[in-house]
Amino acid sequence: MKIEKSFELPHPREFVWNRMNDVYFVAKCLPGASIVEDLGEHRYKGRMSVKVGPMAAAFDGEVAIDSQPREWTAIVSGKGADARSSSRATGAMTYRLNEGNSPGATRVEVVSDINLAGPLAQFGKGAVMQEVANRITADFVRNFEKALSAAPASGEARAPEPAASSQPLDAGNLLWSILRERFLALFRKRSS
């Protein structure tokens, strides 16, 4: 499944680039994600904890990052498996940083290609997965922006590390709220 997202941050491109390439910083801004070990050569062992209704999964796997600074682009690829549910995930995410619409801002464009297999794959259907991706992106952007804003824009001092999230990404709550919103929208259309 291919998912495309973009967002703008009110920070200079070089500052955003440095933080986007700090895998520990990014993981702490992404709900349910953590870096377990640095394997060297831009490869890491990581974990993504997800809760979908009564089903909880912890995908353990490996992440690799290929940064291309001249193009302000990086490719993050990974794969992981959940031992309890036998679900598996593979994916790649490419992000590119461009000058933003306002002075000193950065536009981030992200293209992800995600493949799920196993019991959790039943939740990876088109429009619902797109809405889950929208909400995950919104949470990440909010956390990332908050962490970036805690540091001077000049980048002279290292930004404080964002607090690590011990909570798994609760896709079940996201799915229920999406379904509720769609039901209410359908009801409003019929009553109009």
C-alpha atoms as a PDB file:
ATOM      1  CA  MET A   1       0.000   0.000   0.000  1.00  0.00           C
ATOM      2  CA  LYS A   2       1.388   3.383  -1.029  1.00  0.00           C
ATOM      3  CA  ILE A   3       0.751   6.379   1.231  1.00  0.00           C
ATOM      4  CA  GLU A   4       1.786   9.943   0.369  1.00  0.00           C
ATOM      5  CA  LYS A   5       1.836  12.752   2.931  1.00  0.00           C
ATOM      6  CA  SER A   6       3.321  16.221   3.192  1.00  0.00           C
ATOM      7  CA  PHE A   7       3.531  18.806   5.949  1.00  0.00           C
ATOM      8  CA  GLU A   8       5.299  22.067   6.673  1.00  0.00           C
ATOM      9  CA  LEU A   9       7.429  22.925   9.700  1.00  0.00           C
ATOM     10  CA  PRO A  10       8.369  26.492  10.734  1.00  0.00           C
ATOM     11  CA  HIS A  11      12.089  25.674  10.948  1.00  0.00           C
ATOM     12  CA  PRO A  12      15.040  25.992   8.531  1.00  0.00           C
ATOM     13  CA  ARG A  13      15.664  23.034   6.244  1.00  0.00           C
ATOM     14  CA  GLU A  14      19.156  22.220   7.578  1.00  0.00           C
ATOM     15  CA  PHE A  15      17.864  22.129  11.169  1.00  0.00           C
ATOM     16  CA  VAL A  16      14.969  19.836  10.202  1.00  0.00           C
ATOM     17  CA  TRP A  17      17.335  17.645   8.125  1.00  0.00           C
ATOM     18  CA  ASN A  18      19.663  17.124  11.093  1.00  0.00           C
ATOM     19  CA  ARG A  19      16.807  16.084  13.354  1.00  0.00           C
ATOM     20  CA  MET A  20      15.135  13.873  10.710  1.00  0.00           C
ATOM     21  CA  ASN A  21      18.433  12.017  10.391  1.00  0.00           C
ATOM     22  CA  ASP A  22      18.647  11.415  14.151  1.00  0.00           C
ATOM     23  CA  VAL A  23      16.879   8.052  14.275  1.00  0.00           C
ATOM     24  CA  TYR A  24      16.558   8.100  18.074  1.00  0.00           C
ATOM     25  CA  PHE A  25      14.958  11.551  18.022  1.00  0.00           C
ATOM     26  CA  VAL A  26      12.478  10.543  15.299  1.00  0.00           C
ATOM     27  CA  ALA A  27      11.576   7.251  17.017  1.00  0.00           C
ATOM     28  CA  LYS A  28      10.744   9.088  20.234  1.00  0.00           C
ATOM     29  CA  CYS A  29       8.318  11.315  18.295  1.00  0.00           C
ATOM     30  CA  LEU A  30       6.537   8.377  16.645  1.00  0.00           C
ATOM     31  CA  PRO A  31       3.934   6.725  18.919  1.00  0.00           C
ATOM     32  CA  GLY A  32       4.812   3.095  19.665  1.00  0.00           C
ATOM     33  CA  ALA A  33       8.309   3.216  18.107  1.00  0.00           C
ATOM     34  CA  SER A  34      11.676   2.651  19.760  1.00  0.00           C
ATOM     35  CA  ILE A  35      15.258   1.956  18.711  1.00  0.00           C
ATOM     36  CA  VAL A  36      16.677  -1.050  20.524  1.00  0.00           C
ATOM     37  CA  GLU A  37      20.232  -1.239  19.151  1.00  0.00           C
ATOM     38  CA  ASP A  38      22.603   0.542  16.763  1.00  0.00           C
ATOM     39  CA  LEU A  39      23.982  -2.091  14.358  1.00  0.00           C
ATOM     40  CA  GLY A  40      26.371   0.346  12.647  1.00  0.00           C
ATOM     41  CA  GLU A  41      26.434   1.524   9.025  1.00  0.00           C
ATOM     42  CA  HIS A  42      23.061   3.313   9.440  1.00  0.00           C
ATOM     43  CA  ARG A  43      21.254   0.110  10.462  1.00  0.00           C
ATOM     44  CA  TYR A  44      19.272  -0.294  13.663  1.00  0.00           C
ATOM     45  CA  LYS A  45      17.209  -2.857  15.516  1.00  0.00           C
ATOM     46  CA  GLY A  46      13.850  -1.385  16.359  1.00  0.00           C
ATOM     47  CA  ARG A  47      10.413  -2.116  17.730  1.00  0.00           C
ATOM     48  CA  MET A  48       6.970  -0.812  16.803  1.00  0.00           C
ATOM     49  CA  SER A  49       4.186  -1.612  19.262  1.00  0.00           C
ATOM     50  CA  VAL A  50       0.644  -1.523  17.888  1.00  0.00           C
ATOM     51  CA  LYS A  51      -2.715  -2.228  19.507  1.00  0.00           C
ATOM     52  CA  VAL A  52      -5.708  -2.958  17.279  1.00  0.00           C
ATOM     53  CA  GLY A  53      -8.785  -3.548  19.400  1.00  0.00           C
ATOM     54  CA  PRO A  54      -8.046  -6.576  21.598  1.00  0.00           C
ATOM     55  CA  MET A  55      -4.989  -7.543  19.514  1.00  0.00           C
ATOM     56  CA  ALA A  56      -1.577  -6.162  20.514  1.00  0.00           C
ATOM     57  CA  ALA A  57       1.535  -6.646  18.427  1.00  0.00           C
ATOM     58  CA  ALA A  58       5.176  -5.708  18.887  1.00  0.00           C
ATOM     59  CA  PHE A  59       7.021  -5.767  15.572  1.00  0.00           C
ATOM     60  CA  ASP A  60      10.710  -6.432  16.172  1.00  0.00           C
ATOM     61  CA  GLY A  61      12.929  -5.906  13.188  1.00  0.00           C
ATOM     62  CA  GLU A  62      15.620  -3.963  11.428  1.00  0.00           C
ATOM     63  CA  VAL A  63      15.654  -0.463   9.958  1.00  0.00           C
ATOM     64  CA  ALA A  64      18.189   0.945   7.485  1.00  0.00           C
ATOM     65  CA  ILE A  65      18.596   4.598   6.481  1.00  0.00           C
ATOM     66  CA  ASP A  66      20.135   5.786   3.211  1.00  0.00           C
ATOM     67  CA  SER A  67      20.611   9.570   3.393  1.00  0.00           C
ATOM     68  CA  GLN A  68      21.262  11.612   0.261  1.00  0.00           C
ATOM     69  CA  PRO A  69      22.118  15.081   1.631  1.00  0.00           C
ATOM     70  CA  ARG A  70      22.687  16.738  -1.755  1.00  0.00           C
ATOM     71  CA  GLU A  71      19.058  15.989  -2.671  1.00  0.00           C
ATOM     72  CA  TRP A  72      17.744  16.563   0.890  1.00  0.00           C
ATOM     73  CA  THR A  73      16.300  13.049   0.610  1.00  0.00           C
ATOM     74  CA  ALA A  74      16.502   9.884   2.687  1.00  0.00           C
ATOM     75  CA  ILE A  75      15.101   6.381   2.305  1.00  0.00           C
ATOM     76  CA  VAL A  76      14.173   4.467   5.443  1.00  0.00           C
ATOM     77  CA  SER A  77      13.508   0.773   4.857  1.00  0.00           C
ATOM     78  CA  GLY A  78      12.607  -1.903   7.325  1.00  0.00           C
ATOM     79  CA  LYS A  79      11.012  -5.202   8.100  1.00  0.00           C
ATOM     80  CA  GLY A  80       9.681  -6.738  11.253  1.00  0.00           C
ATOM     81  CA  ALA A  81       7.584  -9.514  12.704  1.00  0.00           C
ATOM     82  CA  ASP A  82       5.357 -10.003  15.714  1.00  0.00           C
ATOM     83  CA  ALA A  83       6.081 -13.333  17.381  1.00  0.00           C
ATOM     84  CA  ARG A  84       2.659 -13.606  19.064  1.00  0.00           C
ATOM     85  CA  SER A  85       0.360 -12.968  16.090  1.00  0.00           C
ATOM     86  CA  SER A  86       2.715 -14.106  13.305  1.00  0.00           C
ATOM     87  CA  SER A  87       2.004 -10.788  11.561  1.00  0.00           C
ATOM     88  CA  ARG A  88       4.783  -9.377   9.410  1.00  0.00           C
ATOM     89  CA  ALA A  89       5.449  -5.935   7.992  1.00  0.00           C
ATOM     90  CA  THR A  90       7.867  -4.626   5.395  1.00  0.00           C
ATOM     91  CA  GLY A  91       8.123  -1.149   4.074  1.00  0.00           C
ATOM     92  CA  ALA A  92      10.098   1.767   2.779  1.00  0.00           C
ATOM     93  CA  MET A  93       9.615   5.454   3.366  1.00  0.00           C
ATOM     94  CA  THR A  94      11.223   8.170   1.278  1.00  0.00           C
ATOM     95  CA  TYR A  95      11.227  11.713   2.574  1.00  0.00           C
ATOM     96  CA  ARG A  96      12.376  14.884   0.841  1.00  0.00           C
ATOM     97  CA  LEU A  97      12.850  18.301   2.419  1.00  0.00           C
ATOM     98  CA  ASN A  98      12.077  21.412   0.355  1.00  0.00           C
ATOM     99  CA  GLU A  99      11.971  25.098   1.154  1.00  0.00           C
ATOM    100  CA  GLY A 100       8.621  25.936   2.737  1.00  0.00           C
ATOM    101  CA  ASN A 101       6.045  28.467   1.624  1.00  0.00           C
ATOM    102  CA  SER A 102       7.145  31.015   4.237  1.00  0.00           C
ATOM    103  CA  PRO A 103      10.713  32.216   4.925  1.00  0.00           C
ATOM    104  CA  GLY A 104      12.663  29.830   7.154  1.00  0.00           C
ATOM    105  CA  ALA A 105      10.073  27.033   6.821  1.00  0.00           C
ATOM    106  CA  THR A 106      10.590  23.487   5.522  1.00  0.00           C
ATOM    107  CA  ARG A 107       8.161  21.397   3.500  1.00  0.00           C
ATOM    108  CA  VAL A 108       8.481  17.637   4.177  1.00  0.00           C
ATOM    109  CA  GLU A 109       7.167  15.254   1.520  1.00  0.00           C
ATOM    110  CA  VAL A 110       6.842  11.590   2.495  1.00  0.00           C
ATOM    111  CA  VAL A 111       6.032   8.559   0.345  1.00  0.00           C
ATOM    112  CA  SER A 112       5.612   5.228   2.147  1.00  0.00           C
ATOM    113  CA  ASP A 113       5.071   1.778   0.728  1.00  0.00           C
ATOM    114  CA  ILE A 114       3.869  -0.612   3.451  1.00  0.00           C
ATOM    115  CA  ASN A 115       3.039  -4.307   3.218  1.00  0.00           C
ATOM    116  CA  LEU A 116       1.301  -6.210   6.012  1.00  0.00           C
ATOM    117  CA  ALA A 117       0.859  -9.972   6.211  1.00  0.00           C
ATOM    118  CA  GLY A 118      -0.817 -12.123   8.839  1.00  0.00           C
ATOM    119  CA  PRO A 119      -3.761 -11.373  11.159  1.00  0.00           C
ATOM    120  CA  LEU A 120      -3.126  -7.600  11.306  1.00  0.00           C
ATOM    121  CA  ALA A 121      -3.303  -7.362   7.505  1.00  0.00           C
ATOM    122  CA  GLN A 122      -7.113  -7.442   7.710  1.00  0.00           C
ATOM    123  CA  PHE A 123      -6.914  -3.884   9.102  1.00  0.00           C
ATOM    124  CA  GLY A 124      -4.681  -2.701   6.253  1.00  0.00           C
ATOM    125  CA  LYS A 125      -7.487  -1.979   3.796  1.00  0.00           C
ATOM    126  CA  GLY A 126      -7.439   1.123   1.567  1.00  0.00           C
ATOM    127  CA  ALA A 127      -9.430   4.055   2.939  1.00  0.00           C
ATOM    128  CA  VAL A 128      -9.261   2.975   6.588  1.00  0.00           C
ATOM    129  CA  MET A 129      -5.468   2.525   6.433  1.00  0.00           C
ATOM    130  CA  GLN A 130      -5.186   5.932   4.721  1.00  0.00           C
ATOM    131  CA  GLU A 131      -7.094   7.581   7.572  1.00  0.00           C
ATOM    132  CA  VAL A 132      -4.964   5.768  10.169  1.00  0.00           C
ATOM    133  CA  ALA A 133      -1.868   7.054   8.316  1.00  0.00           C
ATOM    134  CA  ASN A 134      -3.310  10.601   8.414  1.00  0.00           C
ATOM    135  CA  ARG A 135      -3.733  10.410  12.171  1.00  0.00           C
ATOM    136  CA  ILE A 136      -0.335   8.806  12.811  1.00  0.00           C
ATOM    137  CA  THR A 137       1.272  11.522  10.675  1.00  0.00           C
ATOM    138  CA  ALA A 138      -0.599  14.227  12.609  1.00  0.00           C
ATOM    139  CA  ASP A 139       0.609  12.767  15.947  1.00  0.00           C
ATOM    140  CA  PHE A 140       4.182  12.496  14.674  1.00  0.00           C
ATOM    141  CA  VAL A 141       4.201  16.049  13.266  1.00  0.00           C
ATOM    142  CA  ARG A 142       2.800  17.452  16.530  1.00  0.00           C
ATOM    143  CA  ASN A 143       5.435  15.587  18.614  1.00  0.00           C
ATOM    144  CA  PHE A 144       8.272  16.405  16.191  1.00  0.00           C
ATOM    145  CA  GLU A 145       7.336  20.106  16.007  1.00  0.00           C
ATOM    146  CA  LYS A 146       7.145  20.322  19.800  1.00  0.00           C
ATOM    147  CA  ALA A 147      10.594  18.727  20.138  1.00  0.00           C
ATOM    148  CA  LEU A 148      12.079  20.956  17.408  1.00  0.00           C
ATOM    149  CA  SER A 149      10.640  24.086  19.017  1.00  0.00           C
ATOM    150  CA  ALA A 150      12.381  23.238  22.290  1.00  0.00           C
ATOM    151  CA  ALA A 151      15.780  23.932  20.678  1.00  0.00           C
ATOM    152  CA  PRO A 152      17.230  27.154  19.268  1.00  0.00           C
ATOM    153  CA  ALA A 153      16.602  27.405  15.503  1.00  0.00           C
ATOM    154  CA  SER A 154      20.312  28.004  14.939  1.00  0.00           C
ATOM    155  CA  GLY A 155      20.964  24.408  15.935  1.00  0.00           C
ATOM    156  CA  GLU A 156      23.862  25.536  18.151  1.00  0.00           C
ATOM    157  CA  ALA A 157      22.534  23.679  21.153  1.00  0.00           C
ATOM    158  CA  ARG A 158      21.263  20.142  20.898  1.00  0.00           C
ATOM    159  CA  ALA A 159      17.494  19.936  21.223  1.00  0.00           C
ATOM    160  CA  PRO A 160      16.251  18.166  24.330  1.00  0.00           C
ATOM    161  CA  GLU A 161      15.264  14.613  23.614  1.00  0.00           C
ATOM    162  CA  PRO A 162      11.516  14.131  23.377  1.00  0.00           C
ATOM    163  CA  ALA A 163      10.041  11.914  26.052  1.00  0.00           C
ATOM    164  CA  ALA A 164       9.914   8.314  24.881  1.00  0.00           C
ATOM    165  CA  SER A 165       6.416   6.979  24.487  1.00  0.00           C
ATOM    166  CA  SER A 166       5.890   3.789  26.446  1.00  0.00           C
ATOM    167  CA  GLN A 167       2.385   3.497  25.014  1.00  0.00           C
ATOM    168  CA  PRO A 168       1.859   1.376  21.895  1.00  0.00           C
ATOM    169  CA  LEU A 169       0.268   2.959  18.869  1.00  0.00           C
ATOM    170  CA  ASP A 170      -3.422   2.296  19.513  1.00  0.00           C
ATOM    171  CA  ALA A 171      -4.796   1.746  16.016  1.00  0.00           C
ATOM    172  CA  GLY A 172      -7.952   0.255  17.495  1.00  0.00           C
ATOM    173  CA  ASN A 173      -9.026   3.581  18.935  1.00  0.00           C
ATOM    174  CA  LEU A 174      -8.127   5.212  15.626  1.00  0.00           C
ATOM    175  CA  LEU A 175     -10.173   2.663  13.687  1.00  0.00           C
ATOM    176  CA  TRP A 176     -13.220   3.081  15.920  1.00  0.00           C
ATOM    177  CA  SER A 177     -13.105   6.863  15.679  1.00  0.00           C
ATOM    178  CA  ILE A 178     -12.746   6.648  11.881  1.00  0.00           C
ATOM    179  CA  LEU A 179     -15.709   4.300  11.608  1.00  0.00           C
ATOM    180  CA  ARG A 180     -17.765   6.518  13.930  1.00  0.00           C
ATOM    181  CA  GLU A 181     -16.939   9.638  11.863  1.00  0.00           C
ATOM    182  CA  ARG A 182     -17.864   7.875   8.615  1.00  0.00           C
ATOM    183  CA  PHE A 183     -21.135   6.621  10.077  1.00  0.00           C
ATOM    184  CA  LEU A 184     -22.034  10.112  11.323  1.00  0.00           C
ATOM    185  CA  ALA A 185     -21.151  11.631   7.943  1.00  0.00           C
ATOM    186  CA  LEU A 186     -23.384   9.086   6.204  1.00  0.00           C
ATOM    187  CA  PHE A 187     -26.209   9.816   8.636  1.00  0.00           C
ATOM    188  CA  ARG A 188     -25.847  13.592   8.047  1.00  0.00           C
ATOM    189  CA  LYS A 189     -26.004  13.083   4.262  1.00  0.00           C
ATOM    190  CA  ARG A 190     -29.196  11.048   4.535  1.00  0.00           C
ATOM    191  CA  SER A 191     -30.894  13.534   6.849  1.00  0.00           C
ATOM    192  CA  SER A 192     -30.027  16.507   4.579  1.00  0.00           C
END
